[in-house]
Amino acid sequence: MSVVLEGTGLVKRFGPAVALGGVGLAVHTGEAVAIMGPSGSGKSTLLHCLAGIMKPDAGEVHLLGLRIDAMGERQRSALRRTRFGFVFQFGQLLPELPAEENVALPLMLGGVSRADAVRQAREWFGPLGLGGMEGRRPGELSGGQAQRVAIARALVTRPAVIFADEPTGALDQSTGHDTMRLLVEATKHNGASLVVVTHDHQVARWCDRVVEVRDGQIIPGRHGARPPAGHGAHPSAGHGAHPSAGHGAHPSAGHGAHPSSGHDPRHPVPGQGVTREPATQILPGVSG
């Protein structure tokens, strides 16, 4: 796999405190990476530097050959809007806007007309189990529904990388598992990479790789164990089809087998103990 995003020799200080002490991290195309560590370890600072939110004091960050850390704020802002997507712990939705306009907002900020942006935004509601909720405001949504809207907003511009900072931190365990399933599947099936900051080992297990940060340094990583792919609903299934019906999540995935009874119980399995609303596809507007 090719490297889509890479930080090398990253240093960040806040006064006398060293948040990052010369760390490096490469993220490959289609890869899901979890960054874990205790509070104050530097994991969120690492995410912010990789995402161009914060400039490192030393080191470099490259996205597909472009050096992000050398850009001005206006350039980095444009890049964040078009090439990156973000999912935060509490969604960060605008309370005065209906869900469809919250999803459409990144497109409108990029110059897409309101009508076209809303049309593209609506395409995500069925795939993410949000059909009929396009006109609801954030206060009328459950926590899990609001995070699905945030996932749609992060993906609507078809970014190269999605950054998620504690995306399930405000959700119960069952809803959190379902949210991570949707986030990982939707990101991968759109050809994007995912970088997740989390304290939760159950969340990290959905990722391909786990990176541990302590005292501003990366501890030699370990590989996470992600649940088997291919259990989302297929576009050819009728609306209301349950993901556990055995249809592959990707339009070209075909029919996937259900997890066998011998699956390692330590790892979350899509479809077991998770109540979810129906989803029919992950790639809006793309047929198999």
C-alpha atoms as a PDB file:
ATOM      1  CA  MET A   1       0.000   0.000   0.000  1.00  0.00           C
ATOM      2  CA  SER A   2       1.168   3.518  -0.732  1.00  0.00           C
ATOM      3  CA  VAL A   3       1.650   6.120   1.984  1.00  0.00           C
ATOM      4  CA  VAL A   4      -1.058   8.782   1.908  1.00  0.00           C
ATOM      5  CA  LEU A   5      -0.044  10.766   5.011  1.00  0.00           C
ATOM      6  CA  GLU A   6       3.268  10.911   6.843  1.00  0.00           C
ATOM      7  CA  GLY A   7       4.710  12.882   9.711  1.00  0.00           C
ATOM      8  CA  THR A   8       8.464  12.708  10.365  1.00  0.00           C
ATOM      9  CA  GLY A   9      10.503  14.053  13.287  1.00  0.00           C
ATOM     10  CA  LEU A  10       7.527  15.929  14.731  1.00  0.00           C
ATOM     11  CA  VAL A  11       8.305  18.158  17.706  1.00  0.00           C
ATOM     12  CA  LYS A  12       5.751  20.301  19.525  1.00  0.00           C
ATOM     13  CA  ARG A  13       6.337  22.255  22.728  1.00  0.00           C
ATOM     14  CA  PHE A  14       3.943  24.197  24.918  1.00  0.00           C
ATOM     15  CA  GLY A  15       6.217  26.377  27.003  1.00  0.00           C
ATOM     16  CA  PRO A  16       8.630  24.071  28.831  1.00  0.00           C
ATOM     17  CA  ALA A  17       6.430  21.011  28.234  1.00  0.00           C
ATOM     18  CA  VAL A  18       7.303  18.758  25.306  1.00  0.00           C
ATOM     19  CA  ALA A  19       4.091  17.352  23.804  1.00  0.00           C
ATOM     20  CA  LEU A  20       5.838  15.591  20.910  1.00  0.00           C
ATOM     21  CA  GLY A  21       9.492  14.660  21.048  1.00  0.00           C
ATOM     22  CA  GLY A  22      10.461  13.920  17.461  1.00  0.00           C
ATOM     23  CA  VAL A  23       7.878  11.306  16.484  1.00  0.00           C
ATOM     24  CA  GLY A  24       7.032   9.874  13.088  1.00  0.00           C
ATOM     25  CA  LEU A  25       3.954   8.117  11.737  1.00  0.00           C
ATOM     26  CA  ALA A  26       3.007   6.939   8.242  1.00  0.00           C
ATOM     27  CA  VAL A  27      -0.588   6.147   7.277  1.00  0.00           C
ATOM     28  CA  HIS A  28      -1.239   4.009   4.210  1.00  0.00           C
ATOM     29  CA  THR A  29      -4.078   4.261   1.727  1.00  0.00           C
ATOM     30  CA  GLY A  30      -7.201   2.561   3.080  1.00  0.00           C
ATOM     31  CA  GLU A  31      -5.624   1.911   6.477  1.00  0.00           C
ATOM     32  CA  ALA A  32      -7.340   2.517   9.815  1.00  0.00           C
ATOM     33  CA  VAL A  33      -4.904   3.546  12.560  1.00  0.00           C
ATOM     34  CA  ALA A  34      -5.769   3.994  16.235  1.00  0.00           C
ATOM     35  CA  ILE A  35      -3.630   6.325  18.351  1.00  0.00           C
ATOM     36  CA  MET A  36      -3.853   5.461  22.045  1.00  0.00           C
ATOM     37  CA  GLY A  37      -2.276   6.772  25.210  1.00  0.00           C
ATOM     38  CA  PRO A  38      -3.095   8.314  28.594  1.00  0.00           C
ATOM     39  CA  SER A  39      -4.265  11.907  28.966  1.00  0.00           C
ATOM     40  CA  GLY A  40      -1.409  14.302  28.285  1.00  0.00           C
ATOM     41  CA  SER A  41       0.569  11.712  26.321  1.00  0.00           C
ATOM     42  CA  GLY A  42       0.597  13.790  23.126  1.00  0.00           C
ATOM     43  CA  LYS A  43      -1.829  11.704  21.065  1.00  0.00           C
ATOM     44  CA  SER A  44      -4.233  14.565  20.312  1.00  0.00           C
ATOM     45  CA  THR A  45      -1.302  16.866  19.528  1.00  0.00           C
ATOM     46  CA  LEU A  46      -0.049  14.277  17.048  1.00  0.00           C
ATOM     47  CA  LEU A  47      -3.476  14.156  15.371  1.00  0.00           C
ATOM     48  CA  HIS A  48      -3.627  17.958  15.210  1.00  0.00           C
ATOM     49  CA  CYS A  49      -0.192  18.156  13.581  1.00  0.00           C
ATOM     50  CA  LEU A  50      -1.012  15.436  11.053  1.00  0.00           C
ATOM     51  CA  ALA A  51      -4.313  17.153  10.213  1.00  0.00           C
ATOM     52  CA  GLY A  52      -2.755  20.572   9.675  1.00  0.00           C
ATOM     53  CA  ILE A  53      -4.694  22.075  12.579  1.00  0.00           C
ATOM     54  CA  MET A  54      -1.461  22.796  14.416  1.00  0.00           C
ATOM     55  CA  LYS A  55       2.009  23.481  13.003  1.00  0.00           C
ATOM     56  CA  PRO A  56       4.821  21.457  14.584  1.00  0.00           C
ATOM     57  CA  ASP A  57       7.850  23.305  15.931  1.00  0.00           C
ATOM     58  CA  ALA A  58      10.055  20.923  13.958  1.00  0.00           C
ATOM     59  CA  GLY A  59       9.553  18.049  11.553  1.00  0.00           C
ATOM     60  CA  GLU A  60       7.469  17.644   8.416  1.00  0.00           C
ATOM     61  CA  VAL A  61       3.981  16.459   7.469  1.00  0.00           C
ATOM     62  CA  HIS A  62       3.254  15.273   3.922  1.00  0.00           C
ATOM     63  CA  LEU A  63      -0.099  14.450   2.323  1.00  0.00           C
ATOM     64  CA  LEU A  64       0.258  12.732  -1.049  1.00  0.00           C
ATOM     65  CA  GLY A  65       3.539  14.541  -1.623  1.00  0.00           C
ATOM     66  CA  LEU A  66       2.329  17.958  -0.433  1.00  0.00           C
ATOM     67  CA  ARG A  67       4.164  19.377   2.557  1.00  0.00           C
ATOM     68  CA  ILE A  68       1.405  20.549   4.889  1.00  0.00           C
ATOM     69  CA  ASP A  69       3.508  22.081   7.652  1.00  0.00           C
ATOM     70  CA  ALA A  70       5.101  24.533   5.206  1.00  0.00           C
ATOM     71  CA  MET A  71       1.715  25.891   4.078  1.00  0.00           C
ATOM     72  CA  GLY A  72       0.136  29.093   5.325  1.00  0.00           C
ATOM     73  CA  GLU A  73      -3.051  28.993   7.370  1.00  0.00           C
ATOM     74  CA  ARG A  74      -5.267  29.765   4.376  1.00  0.00           C
ATOM     75  CA  GLN A  75      -3.786  26.881   2.368  1.00  0.00           C
ATOM     76  CA  ARG A  76      -4.045  24.488   5.296  1.00  0.00           C
ATOM     77  CA  SER A  77      -7.639  25.546   5.903  1.00  0.00           C
ATOM     78  CA  ALA A  78      -8.527  24.813   2.275  1.00  0.00           C
ATOM     79  CA  LEU A  79      -6.772  21.460   2.475  1.00  0.00           C
ATOM     80  CA  ARG A  80      -8.610  20.515   5.681  1.00  0.00           C
ATOM     81  CA  ARG A  81     -11.891  21.396   4.013  1.00  0.00           C
ATOM     82  CA  THR A  82     -11.287  19.349   0.852  1.00  0.00           C
ATOM     83  CA  ARG A  83      -8.811  16.548   1.599  1.00  0.00           C
ATOM     84  CA  PHE A  84      -9.567  15.797   5.255  1.00  0.00           C
ATOM     85  CA  GLY A  85     -12.723  14.905   7.139  1.00  0.00           C
ATOM     86  CA  PHE A  86     -13.266  15.195  10.893  1.00  0.00           C
ATOM     87  CA  VAL A  87     -15.428  13.387  13.453  1.00  0.00           C
ATOM     88  CA  PHE A  88     -15.331  14.680  17.035  1.00  0.00           C
ATOM     89  CA  GLN A  89     -16.566  13.257  20.333  1.00  0.00           C
ATOM     90  CA  PHE A  90     -19.682  15.424  20.480  1.00  0.00           C
ATOM     91  CA  GLY A  91     -20.269  15.733  16.736  1.00  0.00           C
ATOM     92  CA  GLN A  92     -19.800  19.525  16.619  1.00  0.00           C
ATOM     93  CA  LEU A  93     -22.968  19.926  14.550  1.00  0.00           C
ATOM     94  CA  LEU A  94     -24.497  23.383  14.140  1.00  0.00           C
ATOM     95  CA  PRO A  95     -27.696  23.292  16.236  1.00  0.00           C
ATOM     96  CA  GLU A  96     -29.599  25.800  14.104  1.00  0.00           C
ATOM     97  CA  LEU A  97     -29.186  23.802  10.870  1.00  0.00           C
ATOM     98  CA  PRO A  98     -31.098  20.653   9.876  1.00  0.00           C
ATOM     99  CA  ALA A  99     -29.046  17.490   9.527  1.00  0.00           C
ATOM    100  CA  GLU A 100     -28.884  17.657   5.724  1.00  0.00           C
ATOM    101  CA  GLU A 101     -27.434  21.174   5.806  1.00  0.00           C
ATOM    102  CA  ASN A 102     -24.898  20.172   8.454  1.00  0.00           C
ATOM    103  CA  VAL A 103     -23.698  17.458   6.072  1.00  0.00           C
ATOM    104  CA  ALA A 104     -23.790  19.815   3.076  1.00  0.00           C
ATOM    105  CA  LEU A 105     -21.839  22.584   4.815  1.00  0.00           C
ATOM    106  CA  PRO A 106     -18.311  21.487   3.759  1.00  0.00           C
ATOM    107  CA  LEU A 107     -19.456  21.399   0.138  1.00  0.00           C
ATOM    108  CA  MET A 108     -21.031  24.851   0.349  1.00  0.00           C
ATOM    109  CA  LEU A 109     -17.878  26.241   1.959  1.00  0.00           C
ATOM    110  CA  GLY A 110     -16.005  24.819  -1.028  1.00  0.00           C
ATOM    111  CA  GLY A 111     -18.175  26.718  -3.495  1.00  0.00           C
ATOM    112  CA  VAL A 112     -20.842  24.123  -4.344  1.00  0.00           C
ATOM    113  CA  SER A 113     -24.323  25.596  -4.707  1.00  0.00           C
ATOM    114  CA  ARG A 114     -26.690  25.022  -1.807  1.00  0.00           C
ATOM    115  CA  ALA A 115     -29.089  22.951  -3.920  1.00  0.00           C
ATOM    116  CA  ASP A 116     -26.361  20.662  -5.247  1.00  0.00           C
ATOM    117  CA  ALA A 117     -24.661  20.385  -1.850  1.00  0.00           C
ATOM    118  CA  VAL A 118     -27.905  19.369  -0.142  1.00  0.00           C
ATOM    119  CA  ARG A 119     -28.627  16.870  -2.920  1.00  0.00           C
ATOM    120  CA  GLN A 120     -25.227  15.240  -2.407  1.00  0.00           C
ATOM    121  CA  ALA A 121     -25.673  15.324   1.367  1.00  0.00           C
ATOM    122  CA  ARG A 122     -29.023  13.530   1.195  1.00  0.00           C
ATOM    123  CA  GLU A 123     -27.390  10.601  -0.593  1.00  0.00           C
ATOM    124  CA  TRP A 124     -25.628   9.662   2.650  1.00  0.00           C
ATOM    125  CA  PHE A 125     -28.682   9.417   4.891  1.00  0.00           C
ATOM    126  CA  GLY A 126     -29.990   6.065   3.660  1.00  0.00           C
ATOM    127  CA  PRO A 127     -26.568   4.354   3.635  1.00  0.00           C
ATOM    128  CA  LEU A 128     -25.892   5.435   7.229  1.00  0.00           C
ATOM    129  CA  GLY A 129     -29.301   4.426   8.579  1.00  0.00           C
ATOM    130  CA  LEU A 130     -30.598   7.999   8.766  1.00  0.00           C
ATOM    131  CA  GLY A 131     -33.403   7.864   6.221  1.00  0.00           C
ATOM    132  CA  GLY A 132     -36.176  10.332   7.061  1.00  0.00           C
ATOM    133  CA  MET A 133     -33.986  12.389   9.394  1.00  0.00           C
ATOM    134  CA  GLU A 134     -32.703  14.872   6.825  1.00  0.00           C
ATOM    135  CA  GLY A 135     -34.796  17.728   8.223  1.00  0.00           C
ATOM    136  CA  ARG A 136     -34.171  17.090  11.907  1.00  0.00           C
ATOM    137  CA  ARG A 137     -31.977  19.433  13.896  1.00  0.00           C
ATOM    138  CA  PRO A 138     -29.198  18.047  16.107  1.00  0.00           C
ATOM    139  CA  GLY A 139     -31.311  18.475  19.247  1.00  0.00           C
ATOM    140  CA  GLU A 140     -33.873  16.107  17.739  1.00  0.00           C
ATOM    141  CA  LEU A 141     -31.333  13.319  17.162  1.00  0.00           C
ATOM    142  CA  SER A 142     -29.987  10.673  19.524  1.00  0.00           C
ATOM    143  CA  GLY A 143     -26.264  10.629  20.260  1.00  0.00           C
ATOM    144  CA  GLY A 144     -25.690   7.781  17.818  1.00  0.00           C
ATOM    145  CA  GLN A 145     -27.729   9.460  15.097  1.00  0.00           C
ATOM    146  CA  ALA A 146     -25.830  12.719  15.566  1.00  0.00           C
ATOM    147  CA  GLN A 147     -22.515  10.888  15.172  1.00  0.00           C
ATOM    148  CA  ARG A 148     -23.771   9.295  11.959  1.00  0.00           C
ATOM    149  CA  VAL A 149     -24.578  12.765  10.658  1.00  0.00           C
ATOM    150  CA  ALA A 150     -21.035  13.792  11.625  1.00  0.00           C
ATOM    151  CA  ILE A 151     -19.652  10.779   9.728  1.00  0.00           C
ATOM    152  CA  ALA A 152     -21.662  11.784   6.654  1.00  0.00           C
ATOM    153  CA  ARG A 153     -20.345  15.344   6.932  1.00  0.00           C
ATOM    154  CA  ALA A 154     -16.775  14.028   7.171  1.00  0.00           C
ATOM    155  CA  LEU A 155     -17.169  11.861   4.071  1.00  0.00           C
ATOM    156  CA  VAL A 156     -19.280  14.080   1.818  1.00  0.00           C
ATOM    157  CA  THR A 157     -16.257  15.734   0.167  1.00  0.00           C
ATOM    158  CA  ARG A 158     -14.652  12.305  -0.519  1.00  0.00           C
ATOM    159  CA  PRO A 159     -11.509  13.144   1.502  1.00  0.00           C
ATOM    160  CA  ALA A 160      -8.217  11.258   1.522  1.00  0.00           C
ATOM    161  CA  VAL A 161      -8.070  10.947   5.321  1.00  0.00           C
ATOM    162  CA  ILE A 162     -10.680  10.979   8.091  1.00  0.00           C
ATOM    163  CA  PHE A 163      -9.539  12.090  11.558  1.00  0.00           C
ATOM    164  CA  ALA A 164     -11.700  10.984  14.490  1.00  0.00           C
ATOM    165  CA  ASP A 165     -11.040  12.249  18.029  1.00  0.00           C
ATOM    166  CA  GLU A 166     -12.778   9.997  20.598  1.00  0.00           C
ATOM    167  CA  PRO A 167     -15.692   9.394  18.180  1.00  0.00           C
ATOM    168  CA  THR A 168     -17.548   7.079  20.581  1.00  0.00           C
ATOM    169  CA  GLY A 169     -16.615   8.797  23.844  1.00  0.00           C
ATOM    170  CA  ALA A 170     -20.133  10.160  24.438  1.00  0.00           C
ATOM    171  CA  LEU A 171     -21.970   6.971  23.378  1.00  0.00           C
ATOM    172  CA  ASP A 172     -22.993   3.793  25.172  1.00  0.00           C
ATOM    173  CA  GLN A 173     -21.043   0.646  24.305  1.00  0.00           C
ATOM    174  CA  SER A 174     -23.586  -0.825  21.896  1.00  0.00           C
ATOM    175  CA  THR A 175     -24.099   2.432  19.993  1.00  0.00           C
ATOM    176  CA  GLY A 176     -20.343   3.023  20.025  1.00  0.00           C
ATOM    177  CA  HIS A 177     -19.652  -0.347  18.404  1.00  0.00           C
ATOM    178  CA  ASP A 178     -22.196   0.346  15.684  1.00  0.00           C
ATOM    179  CA  THR A 179     -20.795   3.830  15.100  1.00  0.00           C
ATOM    180  CA  MET A 180     -17.262   2.460  14.714  1.00  0.00           C
ATOM    181  CA  ARG A 181     -18.468  -0.216  12.302  1.00  0.00           C
ATOM    182  CA  LEU A 182     -20.070   2.420  10.104  1.00  0.00           C
ATOM    183  CA  LEU A 183     -17.090   4.767  10.386  1.00  0.00           C
ATOM    184  CA  VAL A 184     -14.505   2.122   9.455  1.00  0.00           C
ATOM    185  CA  GLU A 185     -16.561   0.566   6.652  1.00  0.00           C
ATOM    186  CA  ALA A 186     -17.669   3.853   5.108  1.00  0.00           C
ATOM    187  CA  THR A 187     -14.140   5.268   5.235  1.00  0.00           C
ATOM    188  CA  LYS A 188     -12.513   2.219   3.679  1.00  0.00           C
ATOM    189  CA  HIS A 189     -15.152   1.742   1.026  1.00  0.00           C
ATOM    190  CA  ASN A 190     -14.629   5.323  -0.102  1.00  0.00           C
ATOM    191  CA  GLY A 191     -10.914   4.632  -0.520  1.00  0.00           C
ATOM    192  CA  ALA A 192      -9.951   6.870   2.405  1.00  0.00           C
ATOM    193  CA  SER A 193      -7.713   6.293   5.416  1.00  0.00           C
ATOM    194  CA  LEU A 194      -8.775   6.679   9.048  1.00  0.00           C
ATOM    195  CA  VAL A 195      -6.832   8.023  12.035  1.00  0.00           C
ATOM    196  CA  VAL A 196      -8.623   7.585  15.376  1.00  0.00           C
ATOM    197  CA  VAL A 197      -7.589   8.954  18.763  1.00  0.00           C
ATOM    198  CA  THR A 198      -9.182   6.907  21.534  1.00  0.00           C
ATOM    199  CA  HIS A 199      -8.846   5.691  25.116  1.00  0.00           C
ATOM    200  CA  ASP A 200     -11.083   2.705  24.368  1.00  0.00           C
ATOM    201  CA  HIS A 201      -9.432  -0.619  23.500  1.00  0.00           C
ATOM    202  CA  GLN A 202     -12.730  -1.838  22.019  1.00  0.00           C
ATOM    203  CA  VAL A 203     -12.644   1.081  19.579  1.00  0.00           C
ATOM    204  CA  ALA A 204      -8.979   0.435  18.743  1.00  0.00           C
ATOM    205  CA  ARG A 205      -9.754  -3.183  17.859  1.00  0.00           C
ATOM    206  CA  TRP A 206     -11.716  -1.999  14.836  1.00  0.00           C
ATOM    207  CA  CYS A 207      -8.515  -0.549  13.380  1.00  0.00           C
ATOM    208  CA  ASP A 208      -5.775  -2.275  11.402  1.00  0.00           C
ATOM    209  CA  ARG A 209      -2.996  -0.899  13.568  1.00  0.00           C
ATOM    210  CA  VAL A 210      -2.615   0.558  17.048  1.00  0.00           C
ATOM    211  CA  VAL A 211       0.013   3.189  17.854  1.00  0.00           C
ATOM    212  CA  GLU A 212       0.720   3.953  21.509  1.00  0.00           C
ATOM    213  CA  VAL A 213       1.937   7.409  22.539  1.00  0.00           C
ATOM    214  CA  ARG A 214       3.481   8.066  25.949  1.00  0.00           C
ATOM    215  CA  ASP A 215       5.315  11.170  27.109  1.00  0.00           C
ATOM    216  CA  GLY A 216       5.457  12.529  23.572  1.00  0.00           C
ATOM    217  CA  GLN A 217       7.013   9.404  22.109  1.00  0.00           C
ATOM    218  CA  ILE A 218       5.576   6.557  20.055  1.00  0.00           C
ATOM    219  CA  ILE A 219       5.970   3.180  21.718  1.00  0.00           C
ATOM    220  CA  PRO A 220       6.695   0.382  19.220  1.00  0.00           C
ATOM    221  CA  GLY A 221       3.224  -0.348  17.855  1.00  0.00           C
ATOM    222  CA  ARG A 222       1.100  -3.452  17.850  1.00  0.00           C
ATOM    223  CA  HIS A 223      -1.439  -4.570  15.289  1.00  0.00           C
ATOM    224  CA  GLY A 224      -5.083  -4.257  16.180  1.00  0.00           C
ATOM    225  CA  ALA A 225      -7.590  -6.991  15.406  1.00  0.00           C
ATOM    226  CA  ARG A 226     -10.424  -5.586  13.335  1.00  0.00           C
ATOM    227  CA  PRO A 227     -13.707  -7.504  13.044  1.00  0.00           C
ATOM    228  CA  PRO A 228     -14.183  -9.326   9.742  1.00  0.00           C
ATOM    229  CA  ALA A 229     -15.202  -7.071   6.861  1.00  0.00           C
ATOM    230  CA  GLY A 230     -18.148  -7.705   4.618  1.00  0.00           C
ATOM    231  CA  HIS A 231     -21.095  -7.617   7.014  1.00  0.00           C
ATOM    232  CA  GLY A 232     -22.691  -4.346   5.967  1.00  0.00           C
ATOM    233  CA  ALA A 233     -25.761  -4.385   3.774  1.00  0.00           C
ATOM    234  CA  HIS A 234     -25.285  -4.514   0.002  1.00  0.00           C
ATOM    235  CA  PRO A 235     -26.765  -1.847  -2.273  1.00  0.00           C
ATOM    236  CA  SER A 236     -28.780  -4.479  -4.084  1.00  0.00           C
ATOM    237  CA  ALA A 237     -30.607  -5.357  -0.890  1.00  0.00           C
ATOM    238  CA  GLY A 238     -33.945  -3.692  -0.403  1.00  0.00           C
ATOM    239  CA  HIS A 239     -34.267  -0.719   1.910  1.00  0.00           C
ATOM    240  CA  GLY A 240     -34.522  -1.848   5.481  1.00  0.00           C
ATOM    241  CA  ALA A 241     -32.221  -4.817   4.961  1.00  0.00           C
ATOM    242  CA  HIS A 242     -30.282  -5.540   8.137  1.00  0.00           C
ATOM    243  CA  PRO A 243     -26.486  -5.567   7.902  1.00  0.00           C
ATOM    244  CA  SER A 244     -26.348  -9.009   9.491  1.00  0.00           C
ATOM    245  CA  ALA A 245     -28.239 -10.482   6.570  1.00  0.00           C
ATOM    246  CA  GLY A 246     -24.938 -11.501   5.019  1.00  0.00           C
ATOM    247  CA  HIS A 247     -24.495  -8.870   2.317  1.00  0.00           C
ATOM    248  CA  GLY A 248     -21.077  -7.318   1.788  1.00  0.00           C
ATOM    249  CA  ALA A 249     -20.781  -3.660   2.725  1.00  0.00           C
ATOM    250  CA  HIS A 250     -18.937  -2.628  -0.437  1.00  0.00           C
ATOM    251  CA  PRO A 251     -20.905  -2.437  -3.684  1.00  0.00           C
ATOM    252  CA  SER A 252     -18.502  -4.908  -5.275  1.00  0.00           C
ATOM    253  CA  ALA A 253     -18.062  -7.110  -2.234  1.00  0.00           C
ATOM    254  CA  GLY A 254     -20.792  -9.590  -3.029  1.00  0.00           C
ATOM    255  CA  HIS A 255     -22.240 -11.710  -0.243  1.00  0.00           C
ATOM    256  CA  GLY A 256     -20.139 -12.111   2.875  1.00  0.00           C
ATOM    257  CA  ALA A 257     -20.310 -15.018   5.271  1.00  0.00           C
ATOM    258  CA  HIS A 258     -21.639 -14.453   8.751  1.00  0.00           C
ATOM    259  CA  PRO A 259     -19.059 -14.605  11.551  1.00  0.00           C
ATOM    260  CA  SER A 260     -18.549 -18.188  12.595  1.00  0.00           C
ATOM    261  CA  SER A 261     -19.150 -19.395  16.125  1.00  0.00           C
ATOM    262  CA  GLY A 262     -15.401 -19.777  16.496  1.00  0.00           C
ATOM    263  CA  HIS A 263     -14.713 -16.041  16.261  1.00  0.00           C
ATOM    264  CA  ASP A 264     -12.445 -14.717  19.013  1.00  0.00           C
ATOM    265  CA  PRO A 265     -14.890 -13.351  21.652  1.00  0.00           C
ATOM    266  CA  ARG A 266     -12.410 -10.660  22.701  1.00  0.00           C
ATOM    267  CA  HIS A 267     -13.056  -8.751  19.486  1.00  0.00           C
ATOM    268  CA  PRO A 268     -16.356  -7.044  18.686  1.00  0.00           C
ATOM    269  CA  VAL A 269     -18.323  -8.714  15.925  1.00  0.00           C
ATOM    270  CA  PRO A 270     -20.706  -6.709  13.749  1.00  0.00           C
ATOM    271  CA  GLY A 271     -24.228  -7.993  14.237  1.00  0.00           C
ATOM    272  CA  GLN A 272     -23.734  -9.448  17.731  1.00  0.00           C
ATOM    273  CA  GLY A 273     -25.257  -7.555  20.638  1.00  0.00           C
ATOM    274  CA  VAL A 274     -25.579  -4.348  18.626  1.00  0.00           C
ATOM    275  CA  THR A 275     -28.903  -2.700  17.896  1.00  0.00           C
ATOM    276  CA  ARG A 276     -28.665  -0.776  14.672  1.00  0.00           C
ATOM    277  CA  GLU A 277     -30.942   0.966  12.288  1.00  0.00           C
ATOM    278  CA  PRO A 278     -31.037  -0.457   8.757  1.00  0.00           C
ATOM    279  CA  ALA A 279     -28.333   0.588   6.316  1.00  0.00           C
ATOM    280  CA  THR A 280     -28.459  -0.271   2.653  1.00  0.00           C
ATOM    281  CA  GLN A 281     -25.098   0.782   1.245  1.00  0.00           C
ATOM    282  CA  ILE A 282     -21.929   2.651   2.116  1.00  0.00           C
ATOM    283  CA  LEU A 283     -21.157   4.327  -1.199  1.00  0.00           C
ATOM    284  CA  PRO A 284     -23.956   6.703  -2.210  1.00  0.00           C
ATOM    285  CA  GLY A 285     -24.714   6.784  -5.883  1.00  0.00           C
ATOM    286  CA  VAL A 286     -22.356   3.926  -6.767  1.00  0.00           C
ATOM    287  CA  SER A 287     -23.805   0.700  -8.090  1.00  0.00           C
ATOM    288  CA  GLY A 288     -22.157  -2.669  -7.791  1.00  0.00           C
END
